[in-house]
Amino acid sequence: MEATLNRIAEKILGLDEASLNSLWNKYKLRMEQFDTGKEWEKSVIIFFIINSVRAKNQIFNEHILSSRKGGPGSKRPPKKKPDLKIIK
């Protein structure tokens, strides 16, 4: 089961987010029109796959921006002023 899920995840990671986003509304509308058939079930799964890719990319982008700004989640320590003393 886990190997199958890993293969599915690899395929999903290879999909283009812009193309997925263009399908979001289509599958949202299909999902909202409840039906007991397999097509409705697949629409729900597809809708949530699209949302998961969007969420993953949002989290990824937030962490990248945060690390560039030195904010929370940054791997680089924030720059501090050096402790300097005036010596005459």
PDB file of N, CA and C in Angstrom:
ATOM      1  N   MET A   1       0.830  -1.193   0.000  1.00  0.00           N
ATOM      2  CA  MET A   1       0.000   0.000   0.000  1.00  0.00           C
ATOM      3  C   MET A   1       0.874   1.255   0.000  1.00  0.00           C
ATOM      4  N   GLU A   2       1.881   1.245   0.871  1.00  0.00           N
ATOM      5  CA  GLU A   2       2.743   2.427   0.974  1.00  0.00           C
ATOM      6  C   GLU A   2       3.514   2.675  -0.315  1.00  0.00           C
ATOM      7  N   ALA A   3       3.964   1.613  -0.953  1.00  0.00           N
ATOM      8  CA  ALA A   3       4.690   1.759  -2.218  1.00  0.00           C
ATOM      9  C   ALA A   3       3.783   2.361  -3.289  1.00  0.00           C
ATOM     10  N   THR A   4       2.531   1.932  -3.308  1.00  0.00           N
ATOM     11  CA  THR A   4       1.575   2.480  -4.269  1.00  0.00           C
ATOM     12  C   THR A   4       1.348   3.966  -4.022  1.00  0.00           C
ATOM     13  N   LEU A   5       1.179   4.332  -2.751  1.00  0.00           N
ATOM     14  CA  LEU A   5       0.987   5.751  -2.416  1.00  0.00           C
ATOM     15  C   LEU A   5       2.215   6.580  -2.778  1.00  0.00           C
ATOM     16  N   ASN A   6       3.395   6.024  -2.593  1.00  0.00           N
ATOM     17  CA  ASN A   6       4.621   6.741  -2.968  1.00  0.00           C
ATOM     18  C   ASN A   6       4.695   6.961  -4.474  1.00  0.00           C
ATOM     19  N   ARG A   7       4.301   5.954  -5.263  1.00  0.00           N
ATOM     20  CA  ARG A   7       4.289   6.112  -6.729  1.00  0.00           C
ATOM     21  C   ARG A   7       3.275   7.177  -7.146  1.00  0.00           C
ATOM     22  N   ILE A   8       2.112   7.166  -6.510  1.00  0.00           N
ATOM     23  CA  ILE A   8       1.094   8.179  -6.814  1.00  0.00           C
ATOM     24  C   ILE A   8       1.625   9.567  -6.481  1.00  0.00           C
ATOM     25  N   ALA A   9       2.267   9.706  -5.313  1.00  0.00           N
ATOM     26  CA  ALA A   9       2.818  11.008  -4.905  1.00  0.00           C
ATOM     27  C   ALA A   9       3.874  11.482  -5.886  1.00  0.00           C
ATOM     28  N   GLU A  10       4.722  10.584  -6.363  1.00  0.00           N
ATOM     29  CA  GLU A  10       5.749  10.962  -7.343  1.00  0.00           C
ATOM     30  C   GLU A  10       5.106  11.497  -8.615  1.00  0.00           C
ATOM     31  N   LYS A  11       4.057  10.838  -9.060  1.00  0.00           N
ATOM     32  CA  LYS A  11       3.372  11.294 -10.276  1.00  0.00           C
ATOM     33  C   LYS A  11       2.715  12.652 -10.052  1.00  0.00           C
ATOM     34  N   ILE A  12       2.103  12.835  -8.895  1.00  0.00           N
ATOM     35  CA  ILE A  12       1.438  14.105  -8.591  1.00  0.00           C
ATOM     36  C   ILE A  12       2.454  15.236  -8.514  1.00  0.00           C
ATOM     37  N   LEU A  13       3.607  14.971  -7.917  1.00  0.00           N
ATOM     38  CA  LEU A  13       4.650  16.002  -7.825  1.00  0.00           C
ATOM     39  C   LEU A  13       5.152  16.435  -9.196  1.00  0.00           C
ATOM     40  N   GLY A  14       5.004  15.587 -10.193  1.00  0.00           N
ATOM     41  CA  GLY A  14       5.439  15.913 -11.542  1.00  0.00           C
ATOM     42  C   GLY A  14       4.423  16.731 -12.336  1.00  0.00           C
ATOM     43  N   LEU A  15       3.242  16.945 -11.759  1.00  0.00           N
ATOM     44  CA  LEU A  15       2.200  17.690 -12.472  1.00  0.00           C
ATOM     45  C   LEU A  15       2.435  19.191 -12.350  1.00  0.00           C
ATOM     46  N   ASP A  16       2.022  19.918 -13.353  1.00  0.00           N
ATOM     47  CA  ASP A  16       2.175  21.366 -13.402  1.00  0.00           C
ATOM     48  C   ASP A  16       1.067  22.028 -12.572  1.00  0.00           C
ATOM     49  N   GLU A  17       1.471  22.867 -11.608  1.00  0.00           N
ATOM     50  CA  GLU A  17       0.490  23.505 -10.727  1.00  0.00           C
ATOM     51  C   GLU A  17      -0.471  24.407 -11.496  1.00  0.00           C
ATOM     52  N   ALA A  18       0.021  25.126 -12.480  1.00  0.00           N
ATOM     53  CA  ALA A  18      -0.857  26.017 -13.248  1.00  0.00           C
ATOM     54  C   ALA A  18      -1.940  25.216 -13.973  1.00  0.00           C
ATOM     55  N   SER A  19      -1.574  24.088 -14.533  1.00  0.00           N
ATOM     56  CA  SER A  19      -2.559  23.237 -15.200  1.00  0.00           C
ATOM     57  C   SER A  19      -3.566  22.681 -14.206  1.00  0.00           C
ATOM     58  N   LEU A  20      -3.076  22.291 -13.033  1.00  0.00           N
ATOM     59  CA  LEU A  20      -3.981  21.798 -11.998  1.00  0.00           C
ATOM     60  C   LEU A  20      -4.945  22.893 -11.554  1.00  0.00           C
ATOM     61  N   ASN A  21      -4.415  24.098 -11.357  1.00  0.00           N
ATOM     62  CA  ASN A  21      -5.268  25.211 -10.920  1.00  0.00           C
ATOM     63  C   ASN A  21      -6.356  25.525 -11.936  1.00  0.00           C
ATOM     64  N   SER A  22      -6.072  25.323 -13.201  1.00  0.00           N
ATOM     65  CA  SER A  22      -7.088  25.595 -14.221  1.00  0.00           C
ATOM     66  C   SER A  22      -8.242  24.589 -14.142  1.00  0.00           C
ATOM     67  N   LEU A  23      -8.016  23.443 -13.512  1.00  0.00           N
ATOM     68  CA  LEU A  23      -9.053  22.420 -13.368  1.00  0.00           C
ATOM     69  C   LEU A  23      -9.782  22.492 -12.034  1.00  0.00           C
ATOM     70  N   TRP A  24      -9.303  23.327 -11.120  1.00  0.00           N
ATOM     71  CA  TRP A  24      -9.845  23.384  -9.762  1.00  0.00           C
ATOM     72  C   TRP A  24     -11.348  23.642  -9.751  1.00  0.00           C
ATOM     73  N   ASN A  25     -11.800  24.663 -10.451  1.00  0.00           N
ATOM     74  CA  ASN A  25     -13.220  25.025 -10.437  1.00  0.00           C
ATOM     75  C   ASN A  25     -14.086  23.914 -11.037  1.00  0.00           C
ATOM     76  N   LYS A  26     -13.611  23.286 -12.093  1.00  0.00           N
ATOM     77  CA  LYS A  26     -14.350  22.191 -12.738  1.00  0.00           C
ATOM     78  C   LYS A  26     -14.643  21.078 -11.735  1.00  0.00           C
ATOM     79  N   TYR A  27     -13.608  20.663 -10.990  1.00  0.00           N
ATOM     80  CA  TYR A  27     -13.788  19.558 -10.049  1.00  0.00           C
ATOM     81  C   TYR A  27     -14.505  19.999  -8.779  1.00  0.00           C
ATOM     82  N   LYS A  28     -14.400  21.259  -8.438  1.00  0.00           N
ATOM     83  CA  LYS A  28     -15.167  21.785  -7.302  1.00  0.00           C
ATOM     84  C   LYS A  28     -16.658  21.695  -7.615  1.00  0.00           C
ATOM     85  N   LEU A  29     -17.046  22.114  -8.814  1.00  0.00           N
ATOM     86  CA  LEU A  29     -18.452  22.060  -9.215  1.00  0.00           C
ATOM     87  C   LEU A  29     -18.962  20.622  -9.286  1.00  0.00           C
ATOM     88  N   ARG A  30     -18.143  19.725  -9.841  1.00  0.00           N
ATOM     89  CA  ARG A  30     -18.539  18.307  -9.919  1.00  0.00           C
ATOM     90  C   ARG A  30     -18.717  17.710  -8.529  1.00  0.00           C
ATOM     91  N   MET A  31     -17.808  18.057  -7.617  1.00  0.00           N
ATOM     92  CA  MET A  31     -17.863  17.531  -6.264  1.00  0.00           C
ATOM     93  C   MET A  31     -19.125  18.016  -5.545  1.00  0.00           C
ATOM     94  N   GLU A  32     -19.500  19.257  -5.775  1.00  0.00           N
ATOM     95  CA  GLU A  32     -20.667  19.831  -5.111  1.00  0.00           C
ATOM     96  C   GLU A  32     -21.976  19.204  -5.587  1.00  0.00           C
ATOM     97  N   GLN A  33     -21.963  18.568  -6.751  1.00  0.00           N
ATOM     98  CA  GLN A  33     -23.169  17.907  -7.281  1.00  0.00           C
ATOM     99  C   GLN A  33     -23.114  16.424  -6.891  1.00  0.00           C
ATOM    100  N   PHE A  34     -23.508  16.169  -5.647  1.00  0.00           N
ATOM    101  CA  PHE A  34     -23.390  14.812  -5.099  1.00  0.00           C
ATOM    102  C   PHE A  34     -24.065  13.772  -5.982  1.00  0.00           C
ATOM    103  N   ASP A  35     -23.383  12.645  -6.077  1.00  0.00           N
ATOM    104  CA  ASP A  35     -23.872  11.500  -6.838  1.00  0.00           C
ATOM    105  C   ASP A  35     -23.283  10.269  -6.156  1.00  0.00           C
ATOM    106  N   THR A  36     -23.889   9.125  -6.334  1.00  0.00           N
ATOM    107  CA  THR A  36     -23.359   7.906  -5.714  1.00  0.00           C
ATOM    108  C   THR A  36     -22.433   7.124  -6.636  1.00  0.00           C
ATOM    109  N   GLY A  37     -22.146   7.683  -7.795  1.00  0.00           N
ATOM    110  CA  GLY A  37     -21.325   6.974  -8.776  1.00  0.00           C
ATOM    111  C   GLY A  37     -19.828   7.174  -8.598  1.00  0.00           C
ATOM    112  N   LYS A  38     -19.081   6.342  -9.302  1.00  0.00           N
ATOM    113  CA  LYS A  38     -17.612   6.390  -9.278  1.00  0.00           C
ATOM    114  C   LYS A  38     -17.074   7.723  -9.804  1.00  0.00           C
ATOM    115  N   GLU A  39     -17.746   8.306 -10.784  1.00  0.00           N
ATOM    116  CA  GLU A  39     -17.270   9.572 -11.352  1.00  0.00           C
ATOM    117  C   GLU A  39     -17.273  10.674 -10.298  1.00  0.00           C
ATOM    118  N   TRP A  40     -18.317  10.701  -9.470  1.00  0.00           N
ATOM    119  CA  TRP A  40     -18.358  11.701  -8.395  1.00  0.00           C
ATOM    120  C   TRP A  40     -17.221  11.443  -7.411  1.00  0.00           C
ATOM    121  N   GLU A  41     -17.006  10.180  -7.037  1.00  0.00           N
ATOM    122  CA  GLU A  41     -15.928   9.830  -6.108  1.00  0.00           C
ATOM    123  C   GLU A  41     -14.571  10.258  -6.664  1.00  0.00           C
ATOM    124  N   LYS A  42     -14.339  10.006  -7.945  1.00  0.00           N
ATOM    125  CA  LYS A  42     -13.071  10.418  -8.565  1.00  0.00           C
ATOM    126  C   LYS A  42     -12.938  11.943  -8.572  1.00  0.00           C
ATOM    127  N   SER A  43     -14.038  12.636  -8.795  1.00  0.00           N
ATOM    128  CA  SER A  43     -14.002  14.102  -8.787  1.00  0.00           C
ATOM    129  C   SER A  43     -13.579  14.637  -7.428  1.00  0.00           C
ATOM    130  N   VAL A  44     -14.081  14.016  -6.365  1.00  0.00           N
ATOM    131  CA  VAL A  44     -13.703  14.432  -5.004  1.00  0.00           C
ATOM    132  C   VAL A  44     -12.215  14.208  -4.786  1.00  0.00           C
ATOM    133  N   ILE A  45     -11.716  13.052  -5.180  1.00  0.00           N
ATOM    134  CA  ILE A  45     -10.292  12.742  -5.022  1.00  0.00           C
ATOM    135  C   ILE A  45      -9.446  13.724  -5.829  1.00  0.00           C
ATOM    136  N   ILE A  46      -9.818  13.983  -7.058  1.00  0.00           N
ATOM    137  CA  ILE A  46      -9.066  14.912  -7.911  1.00  0.00           C
ATOM    138  C   ILE A  46      -9.067  16.309  -7.308  1.00  0.00           C
ATOM    139  N   PHE A  47     -10.223  16.754  -6.812  1.00  0.00           N
ATOM    140  CA  PHE A  47     -10.317  18.071  -6.196  1.00  0.00           C
ATOM    141  C   PHE A  47      -9.335  18.191  -5.038  1.00  0.00           C
ATOM    142  N   PHE A  48      -9.276  17.168  -4.191  1.00  0.00           N
ATOM    143  CA  PHE A  48      -8.380  17.229  -3.046  1.00  0.00           C
ATOM    144  C   PHE A  48      -6.919  17.037  -3.433  1.00  0.00           C
ATOM    145  N   ILE A  49      -6.641  16.341  -4.505  1.00  0.00           N
ATOM    146  CA  ILE A  49      -5.265  16.266  -5.008  1.00  0.00           C
ATOM    147  C   ILE A  49      -4.809  17.655  -5.439  1.00  0.00           C
ATOM    148  N   ILE A  50      -5.661  18.346  -6.179  1.00  0.00           N
ATOM    149  CA  ILE A  50      -5.327  19.711  -6.613  1.00  0.00           C
ATOM    150  C   ILE A  50      -5.084  20.601  -5.403  1.00  0.00           C
ATOM    151  N   ASN A  51      -5.970  20.513  -4.404  1.00  0.00           N
ATOM    152  CA  ASN A  51      -5.799  21.323  -3.198  1.00  0.00           C
ATOM    153  C   ASN A  51      -4.537  20.955  -2.430  1.00  0.00           C
ATOM    154  N   SER A  52      -4.177  19.682  -2.416  1.00  0.00           N
ATOM    155  CA  SER A  52      -2.967  19.281  -1.696  1.00  0.00           C
ATOM    156  C   SER A  52      -1.714  19.831  -2.362  1.00  0.00           C
ATOM    157  N   VAL A  53      -1.697  19.851  -3.690  1.00  0.00           N
ATOM    158  CA  VAL A  53      -0.555  20.427  -4.411  1.00  0.00           C
ATOM    159  C   VAL A  53      -0.472  21.934  -4.143  1.00  0.00           C
ATOM    160  N   ARG A  54      -1.616  22.597  -4.149  1.00  0.00           N
ATOM    161  CA  ARG A  54      -1.647  24.036  -3.872  1.00  0.00           C
ATOM    162  C   ARG A  54      -1.154  24.320  -2.452  1.00  0.00           C
ATOM    163  N   ALA A  55      -1.620  23.518  -1.476  1.00  0.00           N
ATOM    164  CA  ALA A  55      -1.204  23.710  -0.082  1.00  0.00           C
ATOM    165  C   ALA A  55       0.294  23.445   0.078  1.00  0.00           C
ATOM    166  N   LYS A  56       0.779  22.381  -0.546  1.00  0.00           N
ATOM    167  CA  LYS A  56       2.210  22.054  -0.471  1.00  0.00           C
ATOM    168  C   LYS A  56       3.054  23.187  -1.026  1.00  0.00           C
ATOM    169  N   ASN A  57       2.645  23.728  -2.162  1.00  0.00           N
ATOM    170  CA  ASN A  57       3.407  24.823  -2.768  1.00  0.00           C
ATOM    171  C   ASN A  57       3.329  26.095  -1.931  1.00  0.00           C
ATOM    172  N   GLN A  58       2.188  26.355  -1.314  1.00  0.00           N
ATOM    173  CA  GLN A  58       2.051  27.529  -0.454  1.00  0.00           C
ATOM    174  C   GLN A  58       2.990  27.426   0.748  1.00  0.00           C
ATOM    175  N   ILE A  59       3.004  26.264   1.394  1.00  0.00           N
ATOM    176  CA  ILE A  59       3.900  26.049   2.541  1.00  0.00           C
ATOM    177  C   ILE A  59       5.350  26.161   2.101  1.00  0.00           C
ATOM    178  N   PHE A  60       5.687  25.554   0.978  1.00  0.00           N
ATOM    179  CA  PHE A  60       7.047  25.600   0.447  1.00  0.00           C
ATOM    180  C   PHE A  60       7.480  27.046   0.202  1.00  0.00           C
ATOM    181  N   ASN A  61       6.619  27.819  -0.481  1.00  0.00           N
ATOM    182  CA  ASN A  61       6.951  29.210  -0.792  1.00  0.00           C
ATOM    183  C   ASN A  61       7.101  30.062   0.465  1.00  0.00           C
ATOM    184  N   GLU A  62       6.243  29.837   1.459  1.00  0.00           N
ATOM    185  CA  GLU A  62       6.346  30.585   2.713  1.00  0.00           C
ATOM    186  C   GLU A  62       7.673  30.309   3.399  1.00  0.00           C
ATOM    187  N   HIS A  63       8.099  29.060   3.401  1.00  0.00           N
ATOM    188  CA  HIS A  63       9.372  28.711   4.039  1.00  0.00           C
ATOM    189  C   HIS A  63      10.563  29.294   3.271  1.00  0.00           C
ATOM    190  N   ILE A  64      10.479  29.291   1.965  1.00  0.00           N
ATOM    191  CA  ILE A  64      11.561  29.872   1.164  1.00  0.00           C
ATOM    192  C   ILE A  64      11.668  31.365   1.440  1.00  0.00           C
ATOM    193  N   LEU A  65      10.532  32.071   1.419  1.00  0.00           N
ATOM    194  CA  LEU A  65      10.542  33.513   1.691  1.00  0.00           C
ATOM    195  C   LEU A  65      11.031  33.801   3.093  1.00  0.00           C
ATOM    196  N   SER A  66      10.589  33.004   4.040  1.00  0.00           N
ATOM    197  CA  SER A  66      10.994  33.198   5.428  1.00  0.00           C
ATOM    198  C   SER A  66      12.499  32.994   5.598  1.00  0.00           C
ATOM    199  N   SER A  67      13.042  31.991   4.939  1.00  0.00           N
ATOM    200  CA  SER A  67      14.481  31.728   5.081  1.00  0.00           C
ATOM    201  C   SER A  67      15.309  32.825   4.412  1.00  0.00           C
ATOM    202  N   ARG A  68      14.776  33.425   3.364  1.00  0.00           N
ATOM    203  CA  ARG A  68      15.497  34.526   2.707  1.00  0.00           C
ATOM    204  C   ARG A  68      15.472  35.793   3.546  1.00  0.00           C
ATOM    205  N   LYS A  69      14.414  35.961   4.327  1.00  0.00           N
ATOM    206  CA  LYS A  69      14.289  37.146   5.173  1.00  0.00           C
ATOM    207  C   LYS A  69      14.882  36.927   6.553  1.00  0.00           C
ATOM    208  N   GLY A  70      15.292  35.708   6.849  1.00  0.00           N
ATOM    209  CA  GLY A  70      15.857  35.417   8.157  1.00  0.00           C
ATOM    210  C   GLY A  70      14.802  35.274   9.238  1.00  0.00           C
ATOM    211  N   GLY A  71      13.578  34.979   8.840  1.00  0.00           N
ATOM    212  CA  GLY A  71      12.478  34.847   9.791  1.00  0.00           C
ATOM    213  C   GLY A  71      12.415  33.457  10.383  1.00  0.00           C
ATOM    214  N   PRO A  72      11.280  33.151  11.051  1.00  0.00           N
ATOM    215  CA  PRO A  72      11.118  31.824  11.645  1.00  0.00           C
ATOM    216  C   PRO A  72      11.271  30.733  10.597  1.00  0.00           C
ATOM    217  N   GLY A  73      11.931  29.670  10.974  1.00  0.00           N
ATOM    218  CA  GLY A  73      12.152  28.582  10.040  1.00  0.00           C
ATOM    219  C   GLY A  73      13.426  28.760   9.230  1.00  0.00           C
ATOM    220  N   SER A  74      14.084  29.887   9.409  1.00  0.00           N
ATOM    221  CA  SER A  74      15.320  30.143   8.684  1.00  0.00           C
ATOM    222  C   SER A  74      16.427  29.275   9.253  1.00  0.00           C
ATOM    223  N   LYS A  75      17.241  28.735   8.384  1.00  0.00           N
ATOM    224  CA  LYS A  75      18.357  27.912   8.839  1.00  0.00           C
ATOM    225  C   LYS A  75      19.568  28.769   9.174  1.00  0.00           C
ATOM    226  N   ARG A  76      19.606  29.977   8.650  1.00  0.00           N
ATOM    227  CA  ARG A  76      20.711  30.876   8.951  1.00  0.00           C
ATOM    228  C   ARG A  76      20.378  31.678  10.211  1.00  0.00           C
ATOM    229  N   PRO A  77      21.331  31.825  11.127  1.00  0.00           N
ATOM    230  CA  PRO A  77      21.058  32.634  12.310  1.00  0.00           C
ATOM    231  C   PRO A  77      20.947  34.113  11.920  1.00  0.00           C
ATOM    232  N   PRO A  78      20.089  34.861  12.604  1.00  0.00           N
ATOM    233  CA  PRO A  78      19.968  36.276  12.268  1.00  0.00           C
ATOM    234  C   PRO A  78      21.269  37.015  12.572  1.00  0.00           C
ATOM    235  N   LYS A  79      21.550  38.047  11.759  1.00  0.00           N
ATOM    236  CA  LYS A  79      22.762  38.832  11.963  1.00  0.00           C
ATOM    237  C   LYS A  79      22.599  39.696  13.202  1.00  0.00           C
ATOM    238  N   LYS A  80      23.666  39.759  14.000  1.00  0.00           N
ATOM    239  CA  LYS A  80      23.667  40.577  15.204  1.00  0.00           C
ATOM    240  C   LYS A  80      24.796  41.603  15.096  1.00  0.00           C
ATOM    241  N   LYS A  81      24.641  42.673  15.842  1.00  0.00           N
ATOM    242  CA  LYS A  81      25.725  43.638  15.899  1.00  0.00           C
ATOM    243  C   LYS A  81      26.852  43.026  16.724  1.00  0.00           C
ATOM    244  N   PRO A  82      28.085  43.209  16.270  1.00  0.00           N
ATOM    245  CA  PRO A  82      29.190  42.675  17.043  1.00  0.00           C
ATOM    246  C   PRO A  82      29.371  43.476  18.344  1.00  0.00           C
ATOM    247  N   ASP A  83      29.829  42.816  19.385  1.00  0.00           N
ATOM    248  CA  ASP A  83      30.124  43.505  20.656  1.00  0.00           C
ATOM    249  C   ASP A  83      31.475  44.203  20.497  1.00  0.00           C
ATOM    250  N   LEU A  84      31.427  45.503  20.263  1.00  0.00           N
ATOM    251  CA  LEU A  84      32.637  46.302  20.091  1.00  0.00           C
ATOM    252  C   LEU A  84      32.748  47.304  21.215  1.00  0.00           C
ATOM    253  N   LYS A  85      33.973  47.555  21.637  1.00  0.00           N
ATOM    254  CA  LYS A  85      34.237  48.558  22.670  1.00  0.00           C
ATOM    255  C   LYS A  85      35.161  49.591  22.102  1.00  0.00           C
ATOM    256  N   ILE A  86      34.936  50.849  22.504  1.00  0.00           N
ATOM    257  CA  ILE A  86      35.837  51.919  22.076  1.00  0.00           C
ATOM    258  C   ILE A  86      37.048  51.895  22.983  1.00  0.00           C
ATOM    259  N   ILE A  87      38.204  51.788  22.369  1.00  0.00           N
ATOM    260  CA  ILE A  87      39.461  51.775  23.131  1.00  0.00           C
ATOM    261  C   ILE A  87      40.276  52.959  22.666  1.00  0.00           C
ATOM    262  N   LYS A  88      40.751  53.766  23.661  1.00  0.00           N
ATOM    263  CA  LYS A  88      41.553  54.940  23.328  1.00  0.00           C
ATOM    264  C   LYS A  88      42.978  54.742  23.739  1.00  0.00           C
TER     265      LYS A  88
END
